[in-house]
Amino acid sequence: MLIRGGANYAYEQVNAELSSFLSIHYNVPSSAFKLAVCGAKLHSEHEDSCCVMVQVLDDATFSADQVSAVEASFVSEAKKKVSKGAKPDYVAFGEIPVVQSKGAVSYTHLAAYWKKKAVA
């Protein structure tokens, strides 16, 4: 759960909204990427930062120019168009960590990535 403004938001709901935004706004087919969000307490002990990891699944479809465009403007553009709970604070490209036995996103490892990145 992502805790923002005293409300709880399901990761799956935020993932779906931001994936749809990325696909439509940047004209990238949803089959070309995987997106996962996690909440990490980076700047406040009471509220999560919405941290977004995008994994490119198809380099031929999700071009380097599109990756650059997403890196440059995703946070600011999404904040204008998505719901309150889905407004991202950070975005990065990389491999989304999974729990090997289940194939589900490892939110513990994803949050650790963002905490380490915030310290660096």
N, C-alpha and C. Protein backbone atom coordinates (compact mmCIF):
# COMPACT_ATOMS: atom_id res chain seq x y z
N MET A 1 0.83 -1.19 0.00
CA MET A 1 0.00 0.00 0.00
C MET A 1 0.87 1.25 0.00
N LEU A 2 0.45 2.20 -0.76
CA LEU A 2 1.10 3.51 -0.86
C LEU A 2 0.33 4.47 0.04
N ILE A 3 1.00 5.08 1.00
CA ILE A 3 0.35 6.00 1.93
C ILE A 3 0.65 7.43 1.50
N ARG A 4 -0.43 8.15 1.13
CA ARG A 4 -0.28 9.53 0.66
C ARG A 4 -1.44 10.36 1.18
N GLY A 5 -1.11 11.48 1.80
CA GLY A 5 -2.15 12.39 2.28
C GLY A 5 -3.12 11.73 3.24
N GLY A 6 -2.63 10.78 4.03
CA GLY A 6 -3.48 10.09 5.00
C GLY A 6 -4.35 9.00 4.40
N ALA A 7 -4.24 8.77 3.12
CA ALA A 7 -5.03 7.72 2.46
C ALA A 7 -4.11 6.60 1.98
N ASN A 8 -4.67 5.41 1.84
CA ASN A 8 -3.93 4.26 1.34
C ASN A 8 -4.36 3.95 -0.08
N TYR A 9 -3.37 3.68 -0.94
CA TYR A 9 -3.65 3.35 -2.34
C TYR A 9 -2.97 2.02 -2.66
N ALA A 10 -3.70 1.13 -3.31
CA ALA A 10 -3.16 -0.17 -3.69
C ALA A 10 -2.14 0.01 -4.80
N TYR A 11 -1.01 -0.69 -4.67
CA TYR A 11 0.03 -0.63 -5.70
C TYR A 11 -0.53 -0.99 -7.07
N GLU A 12 -1.37 -2.02 -7.12
CA GLU A 12 -1.91 -2.47 -8.40
C GLU A 12 -2.71 -1.37 -9.09
N GLN A 13 -3.49 -0.62 -8.32
CA GLN A 13 -4.29 0.48 -8.87
C GLN A 13 -3.39 1.58 -9.43
N VAL A 14 -2.36 1.93 -8.68
CA VAL A 14 -1.43 2.97 -9.12
C VAL A 14 -0.64 2.48 -10.33
N ASN A 15 -0.19 1.23 -10.29
CA ASN A 15 0.53 0.65 -11.44
C ASN A 15 -0.31 0.75 -12.70
N ALA A 16 -1.57 0.38 -12.61
CA ALA A 16 -2.45 0.39 -13.78
C ALA A 16 -2.65 1.81 -14.32
N GLU A 17 -2.86 2.76 -13.43
CA GLU A 17 -3.08 4.14 -13.87
C GLU A 17 -1.82 4.73 -14.52
N LEU A 18 -0.68 4.50 -13.90
CA LEU A 18 0.56 5.06 -14.46
C LEU A 18 1.00 4.33 -15.73
N SER A 19 0.74 3.03 -15.81
CA SER A 19 1.04 2.28 -17.04
C SER A 19 0.20 2.82 -18.19
N SER A 20 -1.07 3.04 -17.94
CA SER A 20 -1.96 3.59 -18.96
C SER A 20 -1.49 4.98 -19.39
N PHE A 21 -1.14 5.81 -18.42
CA PHE A 21 -0.64 7.16 -18.74
C PHE A 21 0.61 7.07 -19.60
N LEU A 22 1.58 6.24 -19.21
CA LEU A 22 2.83 6.12 -19.96
C LEU A 22 2.54 5.66 -21.38
N SER A 23 1.71 4.66 -21.52
CA SER A 23 1.40 4.11 -22.83
C SER A 23 0.74 5.15 -23.74
N ILE A 24 -0.24 5.85 -23.22
CA ILE A 24 -0.98 6.83 -24.04
C ILE A 24 -0.17 8.09 -24.28
N HIS A 25 0.39 8.67 -23.22
CA HIS A 25 1.09 9.96 -23.33
C HIS A 25 2.37 9.87 -24.17
N TYR A 26 3.07 8.75 -24.09
CA TYR A 26 4.34 8.61 -24.81
C TYR A 26 4.23 7.67 -26.02
N ASN A 27 3.01 7.23 -26.31
CA ASN A 27 2.74 6.39 -27.48
C ASN A 27 3.61 5.13 -27.50
N VAL A 28 3.60 4.44 -26.35
CA VAL A 28 4.36 3.20 -26.20
C VAL A 28 3.37 2.07 -25.90
N PRO A 29 3.36 1.01 -26.69
CA PRO A 29 2.44 -0.09 -26.40
C PRO A 29 2.72 -0.69 -25.02
N SER A 30 1.67 -1.04 -24.31
CA SER A 30 1.83 -1.58 -22.96
C SER A 30 2.62 -2.90 -22.96
N SER A 31 2.68 -3.57 -24.09
CA SER A 31 3.45 -4.81 -24.17
C SER A 31 4.97 -4.57 -24.21
N ALA A 32 5.38 -3.32 -24.38
CA ALA A 32 6.79 -3.00 -24.52
C ALA A 32 7.47 -2.69 -23.18
N PHE A 33 6.68 -2.64 -22.11
CA PHE A 33 7.27 -2.30 -20.80
C PHE A 33 6.46 -2.92 -19.68
N LYS A 34 7.10 -2.94 -18.53
CA LYS A 34 6.45 -3.34 -17.28
C LYS A 34 6.71 -2.19 -16.31
N LEU A 35 5.74 -1.84 -15.50
CA LEU A 35 5.88 -0.73 -14.57
C LEU A 35 5.48 -1.21 -13.18
N ALA A 36 6.24 -0.79 -12.18
CA ALA A 36 5.91 -1.11 -10.79
C ALA A 36 6.19 0.10 -9.93
N VAL A 37 5.28 0.38 -9.02
CA VAL A 37 5.47 1.47 -8.07
C VAL A 37 5.65 0.90 -6.68
N CYS A 38 6.29 1.68 -5.85
CA CYS A 38 6.35 1.34 -4.44
C CYS A 38 6.37 2.63 -3.64
N GLY A 39 5.98 2.53 -2.42
CA GLY A 39 6.05 3.66 -1.52
C GLY A 39 7.31 3.55 -0.68
N ALA A 40 8.04 4.64 -0.61
CA ALA A 40 9.25 4.67 0.20
C ALA A 40 9.27 5.96 1.00
N LYS A 41 9.56 5.85 2.25
CA LYS A 41 9.61 7.04 3.11
C LYS A 41 10.97 7.71 2.93
N LEU A 42 11.06 8.55 1.90
CA LEU A 42 12.33 9.19 1.55
C LEU A 42 12.47 10.58 2.17
N HIS A 43 11.37 11.29 2.32
CA HIS A 43 11.44 12.67 2.80
C HIS A 43 10.55 12.94 4.01
N SER A 44 9.72 11.97 4.36
CA SER A 44 8.80 12.13 5.47
C SER A 44 8.58 10.78 6.13
N GLU A 45 8.49 10.78 7.45
CA GLU A 45 8.22 9.51 8.13
C GLU A 45 6.73 9.18 8.13
N HIS A 46 5.91 10.12 7.66
CA HIS A 46 4.46 9.93 7.67
C HIS A 46 3.86 9.66 6.30
N GLU A 47 4.57 9.99 5.25
CA GLU A 47 4.01 9.85 3.91
C GLU A 47 5.04 9.23 2.97
N ASP A 48 4.54 8.37 2.09
CA ASP A 48 5.41 7.71 1.12
C ASP A 48 5.66 8.58 -0.10
N SER A 49 6.84 8.48 -0.64
CA SER A 49 7.12 9.00 -1.98
C SER A 49 6.68 7.92 -2.95
N CYS A 50 6.07 8.32 -4.05
CA CYS A 50 5.63 7.36 -5.07
C CYS A 50 6.79 7.16 -6.05
N CYS A 51 7.43 6.02 -5.95
CA CYS A 51 8.62 5.71 -6.74
C CYS A 51 8.25 4.72 -7.84
N VAL A 52 8.58 5.05 -9.07
CA VAL A 52 8.17 4.27 -10.24
C VAL A 52 9.39 3.67 -10.92
N MET A 53 9.35 2.36 -11.14
CA MET A 53 10.39 1.67 -11.89
C MET A 53 9.75 1.18 -13.19
N VAL A 54 10.42 1.47 -14.30
CA VAL A 54 9.95 1.01 -15.61
C VAL A 54 10.99 0.07 -16.17
N GLN A 55 10.55 -1.10 -16.56
CA GLN A 55 11.42 -2.09 -17.18
C GLN A 55 11.03 -2.20 -18.65
N VAL A 56 11.98 -1.93 -19.54
CA VAL A 56 11.72 -2.06 -20.97
C VAL A 56 11.76 -3.54 -21.33
N LEU A 57 10.70 -4.01 -21.97
CA LEU A 57 10.61 -5.42 -22.38
C LEU A 57 10.93 -5.60 -23.86
N ASP A 58 10.77 -4.53 -24.63
CA ASP A 58 10.97 -4.60 -26.08
C ASP A 58 11.70 -3.35 -26.55
N ASP A 59 13.03 -3.46 -26.69
CA ASP A 59 13.86 -2.32 -27.12
C ASP A 59 13.47 -1.80 -28.50
N ALA A 60 12.98 -2.67 -29.35
CA ALA A 60 12.62 -2.26 -30.71
C ALA A 60 11.37 -1.38 -30.69
N THR A 61 10.48 -1.61 -29.75
CA THR A 61 9.23 -0.85 -29.68
C THR A 61 9.34 0.36 -28.76
N PHE A 62 10.08 0.23 -27.67
CA PHE A 62 10.26 1.32 -26.71
C PHE A 62 11.64 1.90 -27.00
N SER A 63 11.68 2.90 -27.85
CA SER A 63 12.95 3.42 -28.37
C SER A 63 13.74 4.20 -27.31
N ALA A 64 15.01 4.38 -27.59
CA ALA A 64 15.88 5.16 -26.70
C ALA A 64 15.38 6.60 -26.58
N ASP A 65 14.84 7.15 -27.67
CA ASP A 65 14.28 8.51 -27.61
C ASP A 65 13.08 8.57 -26.68
N GLN A 66 12.25 7.54 -26.70
CA GLN A 66 11.09 7.51 -25.80
C GLN A 66 11.53 7.36 -24.35
N VAL A 67 12.55 6.55 -24.11
CA VAL A 67 13.09 6.40 -22.76
C VAL A 67 13.58 7.76 -22.26
N SER A 68 14.31 8.49 -23.10
CA SER A 68 14.79 9.81 -22.72
C SER A 68 13.65 10.77 -22.43
N ALA A 69 12.61 10.71 -23.25
CA ALA A 69 11.45 11.58 -23.04
C ALA A 69 10.76 11.27 -21.71
N VAL A 70 10.63 9.99 -21.41
CA VAL A 70 10.00 9.58 -20.14
C VAL A 70 10.85 10.05 -18.97
N GLU A 71 12.15 9.82 -19.05
CA GLU A 71 13.04 10.24 -17.95
C GLU A 71 12.95 11.74 -17.72
N ALA A 72 12.84 12.51 -18.80
CA ALA A 72 12.85 13.96 -18.69
C ALA A 72 11.53 14.55 -18.20
N SER A 73 10.40 13.91 -18.53
CA SER A 73 9.14 14.60 -18.26
C SER A 73 8.05 13.78 -17.57
N PHE A 74 8.27 12.50 -17.32
CA PHE A 74 7.21 11.65 -16.78
C PHE A 74 6.63 12.19 -15.49
N VAL A 75 7.47 12.53 -14.53
CA VAL A 75 6.98 12.98 -13.22
C VAL A 75 6.14 14.24 -13.37
N SER A 76 6.66 15.24 -14.07
CA SER A 76 5.92 16.50 -14.18
C SER A 76 4.64 16.34 -15.00
N GLU A 77 4.68 15.58 -16.08
CA GLU A 77 3.49 15.40 -16.92
C GLU A 77 2.43 14.55 -16.22
N ALA A 78 2.85 13.49 -15.57
CA ALA A 78 1.89 12.61 -14.89
C ALA A 78 1.20 13.35 -13.74
N LYS A 79 1.94 14.19 -13.03
CA LYS A 79 1.34 14.93 -11.92
C LYS A 79 0.18 15.81 -12.38
N LYS A 80 0.20 16.23 -13.64
CA LYS A 80 -0.88 17.06 -14.19
C LYS A 80 -2.11 16.24 -14.58
N LYS A 81 -1.93 14.94 -14.83
CA LYS A 81 -3.01 14.18 -15.47
C LYS A 81 -3.54 12.98 -14.70
N VAL A 82 -2.82 12.50 -13.70
CA VAL A 82 -3.29 11.30 -12.99
C VAL A 82 -3.94 11.69 -11.67
N SER A 83 -4.60 10.73 -11.05
CA SER A 83 -5.29 10.99 -9.78
C SER A 83 -4.29 11.29 -8.66
N LYS A 84 -4.80 11.85 -7.59
CA LYS A 84 -3.98 12.27 -6.45
C LYS A 84 -3.07 11.16 -5.93
N GLY A 85 -3.61 9.98 -5.76
CA GLY A 85 -2.84 8.87 -5.20
C GLY A 85 -1.78 8.32 -6.12
N ALA A 86 -1.89 8.60 -7.42
CA ALA A 86 -0.95 8.04 -8.40
C ALA A 86 0.13 9.04 -8.83
N LYS A 87 0.12 10.23 -8.30
CA LYS A 87 1.11 11.23 -8.71
C LYS A 87 2.52 10.76 -8.34
N PRO A 88 3.37 10.56 -9.34
CA PRO A 88 4.71 10.03 -9.05
C PRO A 88 5.67 11.11 -8.54
N ASP A 89 6.62 10.68 -7.74
CA ASP A 89 7.68 11.58 -7.27
C ASP A 89 9.00 11.29 -7.98
N TYR A 90 9.22 10.04 -8.34
CA TYR A 90 10.47 9.63 -8.98
C TYR A 90 10.19 8.58 -10.04
N VAL A 91 11.05 8.53 -11.05
CA VAL A 91 10.98 7.48 -12.06
C VAL A 91 12.39 7.04 -12.41
N ALA A 92 12.55 5.76 -12.66
CA ALA A 92 13.85 5.23 -13.09
C ALA A 92 13.58 4.05 -14.02
N PHE A 93 14.56 3.74 -14.84
CA PHE A 93 14.49 2.57 -15.72
C PHE A 93 15.43 1.51 -15.18
N GLY A 94 14.97 0.29 -15.16
CA GLY A 94 15.79 -0.82 -14.69
C GLY A 94 14.96 -2.07 -14.57
N GLU A 95 15.57 -3.11 -14.05
CA GLU A 95 14.87 -4.37 -13.88
C GLU A 95 14.02 -4.33 -12.62
N ILE A 96 12.79 -4.73 -12.74
CA ILE A 96 11.89 -4.78 -11.59
C ILE A 96 12.17 -6.07 -10.83
N PRO A 97 12.54 -5.96 -9.54
CA PRO A 97 12.85 -7.16 -8.77
C PRO A 97 11.60 -7.98 -8.50
N VAL A 98 11.74 -9.29 -8.59
CA VAL A 98 10.61 -10.20 -8.35
C VAL A 98 10.97 -11.22 -7.29
N VAL A 99 9.95 -11.74 -6.64
CA VAL A 99 10.10 -12.86 -5.71
C VAL A 99 10.17 -14.10 -6.57
N GLN A 100 11.29 -14.77 -6.58
CA GLN A 100 11.52 -15.87 -7.51
C GLN A 100 10.48 -16.98 -7.41
N SER A 101 10.06 -17.31 -6.22
CA SER A 101 9.12 -18.43 -6.07
C SER A 101 7.72 -18.10 -6.57
N LYS A 102 7.37 -16.79 -6.61
CA LYS A 102 6.02 -16.41 -7.00
C LYS A 102 5.97 -15.60 -8.29
N GLY A 103 7.07 -14.98 -8.68
CA GLY A 103 7.08 -14.15 -9.87
C GLY A 103 6.44 -12.78 -9.65
N ALA A 104 6.05 -12.48 -8.42
CA ALA A 104 5.43 -11.19 -8.08
C ALA A 104 6.53 -10.16 -7.79
N VAL A 105 6.17 -8.90 -7.89
CA VAL A 105 7.11 -7.82 -7.60
C VAL A 105 7.56 -7.91 -6.14
N SER A 106 8.85 -7.76 -5.92
CA SER A 106 9.39 -7.72 -4.57
C SER A 106 9.43 -6.25 -4.13
N TYR A 107 8.39 -5.83 -3.45
CA TYR A 107 8.30 -4.43 -3.03
C TYR A 107 9.36 -4.09 -2.01
N THR A 108 9.80 -5.05 -1.23
CA THR A 108 10.88 -4.82 -0.27
C THR A 108 12.16 -4.43 -1.00
N HIS A 109 12.51 -5.18 -2.05
CA HIS A 109 13.72 -4.88 -2.81
C HIS A 109 13.57 -3.58 -3.60
N LEU A 110 12.38 -3.33 -4.11
CA LEU A 110 12.15 -2.11 -4.87
C LEU A 110 12.29 -0.88 -3.96
N ALA A 111 11.72 -0.93 -2.78
CA ALA A 111 11.85 0.18 -1.82
C ALA A 111 13.31 0.36 -1.40
N ALA A 112 14.03 -0.74 -1.21
CA ALA A 112 15.44 -0.66 -0.83
C ALA A 112 16.26 0.04 -1.92
N TYR A 113 15.92 -0.24 -3.19
CA TYR A 113 16.59 0.43 -4.32
C TYR A 113 16.41 1.96 -4.19
N TRP A 114 15.18 2.38 -3.95
CA TRP A 114 14.91 3.82 -3.89
C TRP A 114 15.54 4.47 -2.68
N LYS A 115 15.57 3.79 -1.54
CA LYS A 115 16.21 4.34 -0.35
C LYS A 115 17.70 4.48 -0.55
N LYS A 116 18.31 3.48 -1.19
CA LYS A 116 19.75 3.54 -1.48
C LYS A 116 20.04 4.69 -2.46
N LYS A 117 19.20 4.84 -3.46
CA LYS A 117 19.38 5.89 -4.46
C LYS A 117 19.23 7.28 -3.82
N ALA A 118 18.32 7.42 -2.86
CA ALA A 118 18.09 8.70 -2.20
C ALA A 118 19.30 9.11 -1.36
N VAL A 119 19.98 8.13 -0.80
CA VAL A 119 21.15 8.40 0.04
C VAL A 119 22.35 8.78 -0.82
N ALA A 120 22.45 8.18 -2.00
CA ALA A 120 23.60 8.41 -2.89
C ALA A 120 23.65 9.81 -3.45
